[in-house]
Amino acid sequence: MPEQSTDKRARQRVAVHLAVSIKSSDGTVQENAHTRDLSSRGVFLYTDSKIAEGAQLEMVLVLPSELMFGERRWVCCQASVIRVENSPAQGNFGIAAKIDRFEVLSEI
């Protein structure tokens, strides 16, 4: 009997550790974080602040040339937090977010 996948992701994620600047839409959180993995539809990142499920985030990061067809690019994303995990061993929080829209920016 074939195994059934429980992965509900729309796109396969790529394991990549990138610095990301995050800001909540209500202004209560504004800090630097780092990604664990990402795709065009979602991201998992680690942050020092606990962010509520359902919160809206703006994220700005630089995607490396390996992910952007040979050219490093700045990207701004609007995302919705769908899951929050406590990471006591690392002393921070894991945030799973669905990317609602993104824009490739000109160099900053």
C-alpha atoms as a PDB file:
ATOM      1  CA  MET A   1       0.000   0.000   0.000  1.00  0.00           C
ATOM      2  CA  PRO A   2       1.539   3.373  -1.003  1.00  0.00           C
ATOM      3  CA  GLU A   3       2.354   5.901   1.701  1.00  0.00           C
ATOM      4  CA  GLN A   4       0.128   8.946   1.800  1.00  0.00           C
ATOM      5  CA  SER A   5       1.795  12.286   2.211  1.00  0.00           C
ATOM      6  CA  THR A   6       0.509  14.576   4.958  1.00  0.00           C
ATOM      7  CA  ASP A   7       2.343  17.578   3.495  1.00  0.00           C
ATOM      8  CA  LYS A   8      -0.291  20.166   2.519  1.00  0.00           C
ATOM      9  CA  ARG A   9       2.093  22.649   0.926  1.00  0.00           C
ATOM     10  CA  ALA A  10       1.193  24.078  -2.475  1.00  0.00           C
ATOM     11  CA  ARG A  11       4.886  24.355  -3.447  1.00  0.00           C
ATOM     12  CA  GLN A  12       7.979  22.459  -2.335  1.00  0.00           C
ATOM     13  CA  ARG A  13      10.072  24.403   0.153  1.00  0.00           C
ATOM     14  CA  VAL A  14      13.810  24.921  -0.135  1.00  0.00           C
ATOM     15  CA  ALA A  15      15.924  24.672   3.018  1.00  0.00           C
ATOM     16  CA  VAL A  16      17.765  27.985   3.149  1.00  0.00           C
ATOM     17  CA  HIS A  17      19.063  30.150   6.020  1.00  0.00           C
ATOM     18  CA  LEU A  18      18.508  33.820   5.121  1.00  0.00           C
ATOM     19  CA  ALA A  19      18.331  37.014   7.149  1.00  0.00           C
ATOM     20  CA  VAL A  20      14.882  38.606   6.975  1.00  0.00           C
ATOM     21  CA  SER A  21      13.501  41.861   8.359  1.00  0.00           C
ATOM     22  CA  ILE A  22       9.945  41.445   9.669  1.00  0.00           C
ATOM     23  CA  LYS A  23       7.305  43.942  10.728  1.00  0.00           C
ATOM     24  CA  SER A  24       3.789  43.174  11.950  1.00  0.00           C
ATOM     25  CA  SER A  25       0.945  45.154  10.397  1.00  0.00           C
ATOM     26  CA  ASP A  26      -0.086  46.448  13.839  1.00  0.00           C
ATOM     27  CA  GLY A  27       3.455  47.694  14.522  1.00  0.00           C
ATOM     28  CA  THR A  28       3.986  45.627  17.679  1.00  0.00           C
ATOM     29  CA  VAL A  29       6.849  43.611  16.149  1.00  0.00           C
ATOM     30  CA  GLN A  30       9.738  44.968  14.109  1.00  0.00           C
ATOM     31  CA  GLU A  31      12.925  42.893  14.171  1.00  0.00           C
ATOM     32  CA  ASN A  32      15.394  40.762  12.295  1.00  0.00           C
ATOM     33  CA  ALA A  33      14.779  37.036  11.969  1.00  0.00           C
ATOM     34  CA  HIS A  34      16.095  34.166   9.840  1.00  0.00           C
ATOM     35  CA  THR A  35      14.469  31.596   7.607  1.00  0.00           C
ATOM     36  CA  ARG A  36      14.607  27.824   7.911  1.00  0.00           C
ATOM     37  CA  ASP A  37      12.970  27.200   4.540  1.00  0.00           C
ATOM     38  CA  LEU A  38      10.832  28.944   1.961  1.00  0.00           C
ATOM     39  CA  SER A  39       8.875  28.617  -1.266  1.00  0.00           C
ATOM     40  CA  SER A  40       6.945  31.054  -3.434  1.00  0.00           C
ATOM     41  CA  ARG A  41       3.885  30.397  -1.242  1.00  0.00           C
ATOM     42  CA  GLY A  42       5.256  30.025   2.271  1.00  0.00           C
ATOM     43  CA  VAL A  43       8.099  30.467   4.723  1.00  0.00           C
ATOM     44  CA  PHE A  44       9.208  29.098   8.077  1.00  0.00           C
ATOM     45  CA  LEU A  45      11.321  31.489  10.105  1.00  0.00           C
ATOM     46  CA  TYR A  46      12.714  31.927  13.595  1.00  0.00           C
ATOM     47  CA  THR A  47      12.094  35.115  15.556  1.00  0.00           C
ATOM     48  CA  ASP A  48      12.673  36.354  19.106  1.00  0.00           C
ATOM     49  CA  SER A  49       9.078  37.595  19.431  1.00  0.00           C
ATOM     50  CA  LYS A  50       5.976  35.469  19.706  1.00  0.00           C
ATOM     51  CA  ILE A  51       3.640  36.512  16.907  1.00  0.00           C
ATOM     52  CA  ALA A  52      -0.025  35.510  17.027  1.00  0.00           C
ATOM     53  CA  GLU A  53      -1.574  33.142  14.509  1.00  0.00           C
ATOM     54  CA  GLY A  54      -3.474  35.181  11.936  1.00  0.00           C
ATOM     55  CA  ALA A  55      -1.125  38.165  12.256  1.00  0.00           C
ATOM     56  CA  GLN A  56      -0.114  39.939   9.057  1.00  0.00           C
ATOM     57  CA  LEU A  57       3.605  40.426   8.401  1.00  0.00           C
ATOM     58  CA  GLU A  58       5.720  42.391   5.984  1.00  0.00           C
ATOM     59  CA  MET A  59       9.042  40.671   5.277  1.00  0.00           C
ATOM     60  CA  VAL A  60      12.030  42.023   3.374  1.00  0.00           C
ATOM     61  CA  LEU A  61      14.887  39.723   2.407  1.00  0.00           C
ATOM     62  CA  VAL A  62      17.572  39.207  -0.208  1.00  0.00           C
ATOM     63  CA  LEU A  63      17.167  36.049  -2.267  1.00  0.00           C
ATOM     64  CA  PRO A  64      20.495  34.572  -3.403  1.00  0.00           C
ATOM     65  CA  SER A  65      21.373  34.193  -7.066  1.00  0.00           C
ATOM     66  CA  GLU A  66      20.839  30.409  -6.851  1.00  0.00           C
ATOM     67  CA  LEU A  67      17.121  31.035  -6.255  1.00  0.00           C
ATOM     68  CA  MET A  68      16.748  34.001  -8.625  1.00  0.00           C
ATOM     69  CA  PHE A  69      18.128  32.689 -11.920  1.00  0.00           C
ATOM     70  CA  GLY A  70      21.641  34.014 -11.452  1.00  0.00           C
ATOM     71  CA  GLU A  71      20.978  37.412  -9.884  1.00  0.00           C
ATOM     72  CA  ARG A  72      20.664  38.276  -6.187  1.00  0.00           C
ATOM     73  CA  ARG A  73      17.407  40.229  -5.590  1.00  0.00           C
ATOM     74  CA  TRP A  74      15.609  42.086  -2.793  1.00  0.00           C
ATOM     75  CA  VAL A  75      12.058  40.844  -2.192  1.00  0.00           C
ATOM     76  CA  CYS A  76       9.211  42.308  -0.109  1.00  0.00           C
ATOM     77  CA  CYS A  77       6.496  39.844   0.979  1.00  0.00           C
ATOM     78  CA  GLN A  78       3.115  40.213   2.666  1.00  0.00           C
ATOM     79  CA  ALA A  79       2.336  37.085   4.692  1.00  0.00           C
ATOM     80  CA  SER A  80      -0.182  35.607   7.136  1.00  0.00           C
ATOM     81  CA  VAL A  81       1.016  33.676  10.197  1.00  0.00           C
ATOM     82  CA  ILE A  82      -0.570  30.217  10.176  1.00  0.00           C
ATOM     83  CA  ARG A  83       1.361  28.443  12.956  1.00  0.00           C
ATOM     84  CA  VAL A  84       3.583  29.387  15.896  1.00  0.00           C
ATOM     85  CA  GLU A  85       5.952  26.939  17.610  1.00  0.00           C
ATOM     86  CA  ASN A  86       7.907  27.443  20.822  1.00  0.00           C
ATOM     87  CA  SER A  87      11.583  26.541  20.357  1.00  0.00           C
ATOM     88  CA  PRO A  88      12.874  26.394  23.944  1.00  0.00           C
ATOM     89  CA  ALA A  89      16.181  24.801  22.928  1.00  0.00           C
ATOM     90  CA  GLN A  90      16.930  27.773  20.678  1.00  0.00           C
ATOM     91  CA  GLY A  91      15.221  30.340  22.914  1.00  0.00           C
ATOM     92  CA  ASN A  92      12.990  31.682  20.167  1.00  0.00           C
ATOM     93  CA  PHE A  93       9.793  31.012  18.217  1.00  0.00           C
ATOM     94  CA  GLY A  94       9.205  29.228  14.935  1.00  0.00           C
ATOM     95  CA  ILE A  95       6.729  30.969  12.633  1.00  0.00           C
ATOM     96  CA  ALA A  96       5.049  29.311   9.651  1.00  0.00           C
ATOM     97  CA  ALA A  97       3.522  31.877   7.308  1.00  0.00           C
ATOM     98  CA  LYS A  98       1.636  31.793   4.018  1.00  0.00           C
ATOM     99  CA  ILE A  99       2.951  34.321   1.517  1.00  0.00           C
ATOM    100  CA  ASP A 100      -0.050  36.254   0.226  1.00  0.00           C
ATOM    101  CA  ARG A 101       1.896  38.360  -2.262  1.00  0.00           C
ATOM    102  CA  PHE A 102       5.455  39.387  -3.005  1.00  0.00           C
ATOM    103  CA  GLU A 103       7.295  41.951  -5.063  1.00  0.00           C
ATOM    104  CA  VAL A 104      10.828  41.828  -6.425  1.00  0.00           C
ATOM    105  CA  LEU A 105      12.395  45.203  -5.597  1.00  0.00           C
ATOM    106  CA  SER A 106      15.045  47.227  -7.343  1.00  0.00           C
ATOM    107  CA  GLU A 107      18.347  47.352  -5.458  1.00  0.00           C
ATOM    108  CA  ILE A 108      18.041  49.208  -2.174  1.00  0.00           C
END
